[in-house]
Amino acid sequence: MHTTVTVATMTAEAREQVAAEFADFDAADTPAESKTVRRQLFHYHDELLIQVVDSDAPAHDEHTGPDLAAYVSGYGDAAAPFRPVAQRYYHWLPGPVQPSMYSTLVVNRLSPARRPQVADLFAEFDTTDVPHRMGTRRRQLFAYEGVYFHLQDFETPDGGAVIAQAWKQADPRFIQICDDLDPLIEKYDAATWRKPADAVAHRFYHWEKA
């Protein structure tokens, strides 16, 4: 399964309408024709809108979707909504893709020069049994214009609770990677950040092919 991440912005008032537009679009035959397997929409902080699309073909057109010009604007230097595509620089999939996985998306900031260090830390961490015990089935790291997206797929619905439990269990390997990542990754908005859960985006739309 191939994943693409696109980024835009919207107002909180537009969120319900954006979900409705995608619901109508995904109910049609177009997603099946474009090889879309799953679509998820997340919102974060200052109404950052993140679209995560899984497809069963690498040539999938991640820009396919409804006309959202009235509700969504481009992010950063991008004038058109959803046109920028975040760059994936780390992918860990220890086994076959599960028929249905539950995603948790963490949003922070990361300098492009630090991406290799972050990828190396996760590459080492993912060779341990900790991700398996946490129920992590896939990990992907994406970046766009200095924004860092950490996408984890879990076998259970509440990935946030799984991450919180990992803190409680205090496995030294989990604590170590958190300590190692801390000087590399910046909070998206340090002024409002209070706890790790503040970095987790909220999913407000989910569609999966039957």
C-alpha atoms as a PDB file:
ATOM      1  CA  MET A   1       0.000   0.000   0.000  1.00  0.00           C
ATOM      2  CA  HIS A   2       1.383   3.380  -1.029  1.00  0.00           C
ATOM      3  CA  THR A   3       0.795   6.494   1.067  1.00  0.00           C
ATOM      4  CA  THR A   4       0.785  10.163   0.082  1.00  0.00           C
ATOM      5  CA  VAL A   5       0.330  13.152   2.374  1.00  0.00           C
ATOM      6  CA  THR A   6      -0.931  16.536   1.167  1.00  0.00           C
ATOM      7  CA  VAL A   7      -1.213  19.743   3.168  1.00  0.00           C
ATOM      8  CA  ALA A   8      -3.592  22.714   3.172  1.00  0.00           C
ATOM      9  CA  THR A   9      -5.326  25.048   5.608  1.00  0.00           C
ATOM     10  CA  MET A  10      -8.963  25.642   6.464  1.00  0.00           C
ATOM     11  CA  THR A  11     -11.116  27.301   9.081  1.00  0.00           C
ATOM     12  CA  ALA A  12     -12.742  25.326  11.869  1.00  0.00           C
ATOM     13  CA  GLU A  13     -16.138  26.332  10.502  1.00  0.00           C
ATOM     14  CA  ALA A  14     -15.345  24.691   7.156  1.00  0.00           C
ATOM     15  CA  ARG A  15     -14.373  21.332   8.623  1.00  0.00           C
ATOM     16  CA  GLU A  16     -17.851  19.805   8.514  1.00  0.00           C
ATOM     17  CA  GLN A  17     -18.394  20.898   4.918  1.00  0.00           C
ATOM     18  CA  VAL A  18     -14.980  19.578   3.829  1.00  0.00           C
ATOM     19  CA  ALA A  19     -15.851  16.182   5.322  1.00  0.00           C
ATOM     20  CA  ALA A  20     -19.229  16.241   3.566  1.00  0.00           C
ATOM     21  CA  GLU A  21     -17.625  17.069   0.205  1.00  0.00           C
ATOM     22  CA  PHE A  22     -15.244  14.135   0.530  1.00  0.00           C
ATOM     23  CA  ALA A  23     -18.040  11.833   1.679  1.00  0.00           C
ATOM     24  CA  ASP A  24     -19.982  12.606  -1.489  1.00  0.00           C
ATOM     25  CA  PHE A  25     -16.881  12.202  -3.634  1.00  0.00           C
ATOM     26  CA  ASP A  26     -15.824   8.917  -2.043  1.00  0.00           C
ATOM     27  CA  ALA A  27     -19.322   7.509  -2.357  1.00  0.00           C
ATOM     28  CA  ALA A  28     -18.967   7.766  -6.144  1.00  0.00           C
ATOM     29  CA  ASP A  29     -16.981   5.443  -8.401  1.00  0.00           C
ATOM     30  CA  THR A  30     -14.050   7.838  -8.806  1.00  0.00           C
ATOM     31  CA  PRO A  31     -11.951   6.615  -5.823  1.00  0.00           C
ATOM     32  CA  ALA A  32     -12.207   3.004  -6.990  1.00  0.00           C
ATOM     33  CA  GLU A  33     -11.036   4.015 -10.445  1.00  0.00           C
ATOM     34  CA  SER A  34      -8.102   5.960  -8.993  1.00  0.00           C
ATOM     35  CA  LYS A  35      -6.986   2.967  -6.873  1.00  0.00           C
ATOM     36  CA  THR A  36      -7.703   4.740  -3.598  1.00  0.00           C
ATOM     37  CA  VAL A  37      -7.847   2.276  -0.701  1.00  0.00           C
ATOM     38  CA  ARG A  38      -8.253   4.682   2.210  1.00  0.00           C
ATOM     39  CA  ARG A  39      -8.555   8.414   2.757  1.00  0.00           C
ATOM     40  CA  GLN A  40      -8.134  10.182   6.094  1.00  0.00           C
ATOM     41  CA  LEU A  41      -8.427  13.879   6.896  1.00  0.00           C
ATOM     42  CA  PHE A  42      -6.777  15.308   9.999  1.00  0.00           C
ATOM     43  CA  HIS A  43      -6.869  18.813  11.443  1.00  0.00           C
ATOM     44  CA  TYR A  44      -4.236  20.280  13.716  1.00  0.00           C
ATOM     45  CA  HIS A  45      -3.584  23.432  15.716  1.00  0.00           C
ATOM     46  CA  ASP A  46      -4.169  26.509  13.518  1.00  0.00           C
ATOM     47  CA  GLU A  47      -6.499  24.445  11.317  1.00  0.00           C
ATOM     48  CA  LEU A  48      -3.730  22.792   9.386  1.00  0.00           C
ATOM     49  CA  LEU A  49      -5.488  20.268   7.136  1.00  0.00           C
ATOM     50  CA  ILE A  50      -3.628  17.043   6.340  1.00  0.00           C
ATOM     51  CA  GLN A  51      -4.929  14.521   3.835  1.00  0.00           C
ATOM     52  CA  VAL A  52      -3.521  10.984   4.023  1.00  0.00           C
ATOM     53  CA  VAL A  53      -4.314   8.779   1.035  1.00  0.00           C
ATOM     54  CA  ASP A  54      -3.425   5.094   0.799  1.00  0.00           C
ATOM     55  CA  SER A  55      -3.569   3.495  -2.637  1.00  0.00           C
ATOM     56  CA  ASP A  56      -2.771   0.123  -4.132  1.00  0.00           C
ATOM     57  CA  ALA A  57      -0.776   1.591  -7.026  1.00  0.00           C
ATOM     58  CA  PRO A  58       2.322   3.824  -6.902  1.00  0.00           C
ATOM     59  CA  ALA A  59       1.025   5.880  -9.826  1.00  0.00           C
ATOM     60  CA  HIS A  60      -2.027   6.952  -7.818  1.00  0.00           C
ATOM     61  CA  ASP A  61      -2.979  10.600  -8.333  1.00  0.00           C
ATOM     62  CA  GLU A  62      -3.093  11.990  -4.818  1.00  0.00           C
ATOM     63  CA  HIS A  63      -4.672  15.241  -6.042  1.00  0.00           C
ATOM     64  CA  THR A  64      -7.952  13.617  -7.025  1.00  0.00           C
ATOM     65  CA  GLY A  65     -10.808  14.948  -4.947  1.00  0.00           C
ATOM     66  CA  PRO A  66     -13.733  17.340  -4.771  1.00  0.00           C
ATOM     67  CA  ASP A  67     -13.507  21.049  -5.508  1.00  0.00           C
ATOM     68  CA  LEU A  68     -12.694  22.641  -2.139  1.00  0.00           C
ATOM     69  CA  ALA A  69     -11.720  26.123  -3.290  1.00  0.00           C
ATOM     70  CA  ALA A  70     -14.470  27.691  -1.180  1.00  0.00           C
ATOM     71  CA  TYR A  71     -13.265  26.027   2.047  1.00  0.00           C
ATOM     72  CA  VAL A  72      -9.546  25.283   1.749  1.00  0.00           C
ATOM     73  CA  SER A  73      -6.465  27.334   0.898  1.00  0.00           C
ATOM     74  CA  GLY A  74      -2.885  26.452   0.121  1.00  0.00           C
ATOM     75  CA  TYR A  75      -0.272  25.986   2.824  1.00  0.00           C
ATOM     76  CA  GLY A  76       2.972  27.959   2.909  1.00  0.00           C
ATOM     77  CA  ASP A  77       4.093  28.903  -0.606  1.00  0.00           C
ATOM     78  CA  ALA A  78       1.476  26.721  -2.284  1.00  0.00           C
ATOM     79  CA  ALA A  79      -1.354  28.663  -3.882  1.00  0.00           C
ATOM     80  CA  ALA A  80      -3.562  25.662  -4.646  1.00  0.00           C
ATOM     81  CA  PRO A  81      -5.162  23.495  -1.935  1.00  0.00           C
ATOM     82  CA  PHE A  82      -3.736  19.986  -1.618  1.00  0.00           C
ATOM     83  CA  ARG A  83      -1.255  20.489  -4.459  1.00  0.00           C
ATOM     84  CA  PRO A  84       1.908  20.278  -2.321  1.00  0.00           C
ATOM     85  CA  VAL A  85       2.941  16.714  -1.588  1.00  0.00           C
ATOM     86  CA  ALA A  86       4.889  15.993   1.574  1.00  0.00           C
ATOM     87  CA  GLN A  87       8.120  14.074   1.055  1.00  0.00           C
ATOM     88  CA  ARG A  88       8.342  10.681   2.698  1.00  0.00           C
ATOM     89  CA  TYR A  89      11.823  10.022   4.060  1.00  0.00           C
ATOM     90  CA  TYR A  90      11.261   7.007   6.300  1.00  0.00           C
ATOM     91  CA  HIS A  91       9.048   3.929   5.950  1.00  0.00           C
ATOM     92  CA  TRP A  92       8.896   0.890   8.230  1.00  0.00           C
ATOM     93  CA  LEU A  93       6.522  -1.958   7.475  1.00  0.00           C
ATOM     94  CA  PRO A  94       7.502  -5.182   9.279  1.00  0.00           C
ATOM     95  CA  GLY A  95       4.909  -7.362   7.587  1.00  0.00           C
ATOM     96  CA  PRO A  96       2.007  -7.341   5.162  1.00  0.00           C
ATOM     97  CA  VAL A  97      -0.382  -4.417   5.314  1.00  0.00           C
ATOM     98  CA  GLN A  98      -3.365  -5.241   7.485  1.00  0.00           C
ATOM     99  CA  PRO A  99      -6.847  -5.013   5.909  1.00  0.00           C
ATOM    100  CA  SER A 100      -7.774  -2.269   8.358  1.00  0.00           C
ATOM    101  CA  MET A 101      -5.342  -0.216  10.390  1.00  0.00           C
ATOM    102  CA  TYR A 102      -5.876   2.761  12.685  1.00  0.00           C
ATOM    103  CA  SER A 103      -3.740   5.830  12.155  1.00  0.00           C
ATOM    104  CA  THR A 104      -2.255   8.333  14.580  1.00  0.00           C
ATOM    105  CA  LEU A 105      -0.622  11.472  13.159  1.00  0.00           C
ATOM    106  CA  VAL A 106       1.897  13.551  15.122  1.00  0.00           C
ATOM    107  CA  VAL A 107       2.723  17.054  13.856  1.00  0.00           C
ATOM    108  CA  ASN A 108       5.854  19.007  14.776  1.00  0.00           C
ATOM    109  CA  ARG A 109       8.610  20.973  13.031  1.00  0.00           C
ATOM    110  CA  LEU A 110      11.892  19.630  11.698  1.00  0.00           C
ATOM    111  CA  SER A 111      14.805  21.155   9.829  1.00  0.00           C
ATOM    112  CA  PRO A 112      15.481  19.341   6.515  1.00  0.00           C
ATOM    113  CA  ALA A 113      19.117  18.873   7.578  1.00  0.00           C
ATOM    114  CA  ARG A 114      17.997  16.790  10.553  1.00  0.00           C
ATOM    115  CA  ARG A 115      15.796  14.347   8.652  1.00  0.00           C
ATOM    116  CA  PRO A 116      18.577  11.725   8.215  1.00  0.00           C
ATOM    117  CA  GLN A 117      19.282  11.726  11.962  1.00  0.00           C
ATOM    118  CA  VAL A 118      15.606  11.270  12.795  1.00  0.00           C
ATOM    119  CA  ALA A 119      15.243   8.491  10.232  1.00  0.00           C
ATOM    120  CA  ASP A 120      18.319   6.722  11.610  1.00  0.00           C
ATOM    121  CA  LEU A 121      16.955   6.877  15.162  1.00  0.00           C
ATOM    122  CA  PHE A 122      13.691   5.281  14.123  1.00  0.00           C
ATOM    123  CA  ALA A 123      15.466   2.704  11.961  1.00  0.00           C
ATOM    124  CA  GLU A 124      17.375   1.526  15.031  1.00  0.00           C
ATOM    125  CA  PHE A 125      14.329   1.707  17.309  1.00  0.00           C
ATOM    126  CA  ASP A 126      12.164  -0.276  14.890  1.00  0.00           C
ATOM    127  CA  THR A 127      14.557  -3.223  14.996  1.00  0.00           C
ATOM    128  CA  THR A 128      13.587  -3.758  18.653  1.00  0.00           C
ATOM    129  CA  ASP A 129      10.451  -5.436  19.947  1.00  0.00           C
ATOM    130  CA  VAL A 130       9.042  -2.190  21.355  1.00  0.00           C
ATOM    131  CA  PRO A 131       7.020  -1.187  18.255  1.00  0.00           C
ATOM    132  CA  HIS A 132       5.555  -4.701  18.073  1.00  0.00           C
ATOM    133  CA  ARG A 133       4.539  -4.614  21.740  1.00  0.00           C
ATOM    134  CA  MET A 134       2.955  -1.204  21.178  1.00  0.00           C
ATOM    135  CA  GLY A 135       0.955  -2.634  18.303  1.00  0.00           C
ATOM    136  CA  THR A 136       2.609  -0.453  15.661  1.00  0.00           C
ATOM    137  CA  ARG A 137       2.073  -1.995  12.230  1.00  0.00           C
ATOM    138  CA  ARG A 138       3.632   0.705  10.084  1.00  0.00           C
ATOM    139  CA  ARG A 139       5.587   3.916  10.590  1.00  0.00           C
ATOM    140  CA  GLN A 140       6.103   6.642   8.024  1.00  0.00           C
ATOM    141  CA  LEU A 141       7.789  10.027   8.330  1.00  0.00           C
ATOM    142  CA  PHE A 142       6.867  12.879   5.999  1.00  0.00           C
ATOM    143  CA  ALA A 143       8.013  16.485   5.756  1.00  0.00           C
ATOM    144  CA  TYR A 144       6.763  19.580   3.989  1.00  0.00           C
ATOM    145  CA  GLU A 145       8.144  23.117   4.311  1.00  0.00           C
ATOM    146  CA  GLY A 146       9.672  22.446   7.708  1.00  0.00           C
ATOM    147  CA  VAL A 147       6.615  20.645   9.093  1.00  0.00           C
ATOM    148  CA  TYR A 148       7.165  17.092  10.366  1.00  0.00           C
ATOM    149  CA  PHE A 149       4.501  14.393  10.108  1.00  0.00           C
ATOM    150  CA  HIS A 150       4.913  11.114  12.008  1.00  0.00           C
ATOM    151  CA  LEU A 151       2.257   8.687  10.793  1.00  0.00           C
ATOM    152  CA  GLN A 152       1.790   5.455  12.758  1.00  0.00           C
ATOM    153  CA  ASP A 153      -0.670   2.711  11.888  1.00  0.00           C
ATOM    154  CA  PHE A 154      -1.881   0.580  14.801  1.00  0.00           C
ATOM    155  CA  GLU A 155      -3.906  -2.605  15.106  1.00  0.00           C
ATOM    156  CA  THR A 156      -6.234  -0.984  17.663  1.00  0.00           C
ATOM    157  CA  PRO A 157      -8.325   2.199  17.326  1.00  0.00           C
ATOM    158  CA  ASP A 158      -6.774   4.366  20.044  1.00  0.00           C
ATOM    159  CA  GLY A 159      -3.165   4.964  19.077  1.00  0.00           C
ATOM    160  CA  GLY A 160      -2.971   7.909  21.460  1.00  0.00           C
ATOM    161  CA  ALA A 161      -3.705   5.635  24.410  1.00  0.00           C
ATOM    162  CA  VAL A 162      -1.070   3.182  23.187  1.00  0.00           C
ATOM    163  CA  ILE A 163       1.538   5.946  23.130  1.00  0.00           C
ATOM    164  CA  ALA A 164       0.469   7.152  26.582  1.00  0.00           C
ATOM    165  CA  GLN A 165       0.774   3.608  27.907  1.00  0.00           C
ATOM    166  CA  ALA A 166       4.300   3.370  26.509  1.00  0.00           C
ATOM    167  CA  TRP A 167       5.209   6.397  28.638  1.00  0.00           C
ATOM    168  CA  LYS A 168       3.713   4.741  31.708  1.00  0.00           C
ATOM    169  CA  GLN A 169       5.603   1.502  31.106  1.00  0.00           C
ATOM    170  CA  ALA A 170       8.792   3.555  30.734  1.00  0.00           C
ATOM    171  CA  ASP A 171      10.689   1.043  28.627  1.00  0.00           C
ATOM    172  CA  PRO A 172      14.217   2.510  28.607  1.00  0.00           C
ATOM    173  CA  ARG A 173      14.408   2.112  24.812  1.00  0.00           C
ATOM    174  CA  PHE A 174      11.233   4.149  24.337  1.00  0.00           C
ATOM    175  CA  ILE A 175      12.454   6.802  26.769  1.00  0.00           C
ATOM    176  CA  GLN A 176      15.821   6.881  25.008  1.00  0.00           C
ATOM    177  CA  ILE A 177      14.448   7.562  21.540  1.00  0.00           C
ATOM    178  CA  CYS A 178      12.204  10.287  22.959  1.00  0.00           C
ATOM    179  CA  ASP A 179      15.242  11.891  24.606  1.00  0.00           C
ATOM    180  CA  ASP A 180      17.262  11.556  21.387  1.00  0.00           C
ATOM    181  CA  LEU A 181      14.515  13.108  19.282  1.00  0.00           C
ATOM    182  CA  ASP A 182      13.855  15.991  21.650  1.00  0.00           C
ATOM    183  CA  PRO A 183      16.763  18.247  20.533  1.00  0.00           C
ATOM    184  CA  LEU A 184      16.102  17.473  16.854  1.00  0.00           C
ATOM    185  CA  ILE A 185      12.352  18.005  16.585  1.00  0.00           C
ATOM    186  CA  GLU A 186      10.719  21.326  17.485  1.00  0.00           C
ATOM    187  CA  LYS A 187       7.200  21.807  18.798  1.00  0.00           C
ATOM    188  CA  TYR A 188       4.815  23.087  16.153  1.00  0.00           C
ATOM    189  CA  ASP A 189       3.870  25.893  18.541  1.00  0.00           C
ATOM    190  CA  ALA A 190       6.012  25.859  21.672  1.00  0.00           C
ATOM    191  CA  ALA A 191       3.884  28.577  23.287  1.00  0.00           C
ATOM    192  CA  THR A 192       0.817  26.345  23.480  1.00  0.00           C
ATOM    193  CA  TRP A 193       2.488  22.922  23.873  1.00  0.00           C
ATOM    194  CA  ARG A 194       1.953  21.374  27.309  1.00  0.00           C
ATOM    195  CA  LYS A 195       2.186  17.579  26.865  1.00  0.00           C
ATOM    196  CA  PRO A 196       3.028  14.997  24.145  1.00  0.00           C
ATOM    197  CA  ALA A 197      -0.654  14.582  23.270  1.00  0.00           C
ATOM    198  CA  ASP A 198      -0.677  18.215  22.112  1.00  0.00           C
ATOM    199  CA  ALA A 199       1.287  17.128  19.036  1.00  0.00           C
ATOM    200  CA  VAL A 200      -1.355  14.625  17.898  1.00  0.00           C
ATOM    201  CA  ALA A 201      -3.630  15.697  15.049  1.00  0.00           C
ATOM    202  CA  HIS A 202      -7.351  14.917  15.186  1.00  0.00           C
ATOM    203  CA  ARG A 203      -8.931  12.780  12.503  1.00  0.00           C
ATOM    204  CA  PHE A 204     -12.304  14.094  11.376  1.00  0.00           C
ATOM    205  CA  TYR A 205     -12.911  12.059   8.226  1.00  0.00           C
ATOM    206  CA  HIS A 206     -12.191   8.455   7.282  1.00  0.00           C
ATOM    207  CA  TRP A 207     -13.125   6.502   4.184  1.00  0.00           C
ATOM    208  CA  GLU A 208     -11.975   2.983   3.373  1.00  0.00           C
ATOM    209  CA  LYS A 209     -12.742   0.885   0.331  1.00  0.00           C
ATOM    210  CA  ALA A 210     -15.118  -1.973   1.086  1.00  0.00           C
END
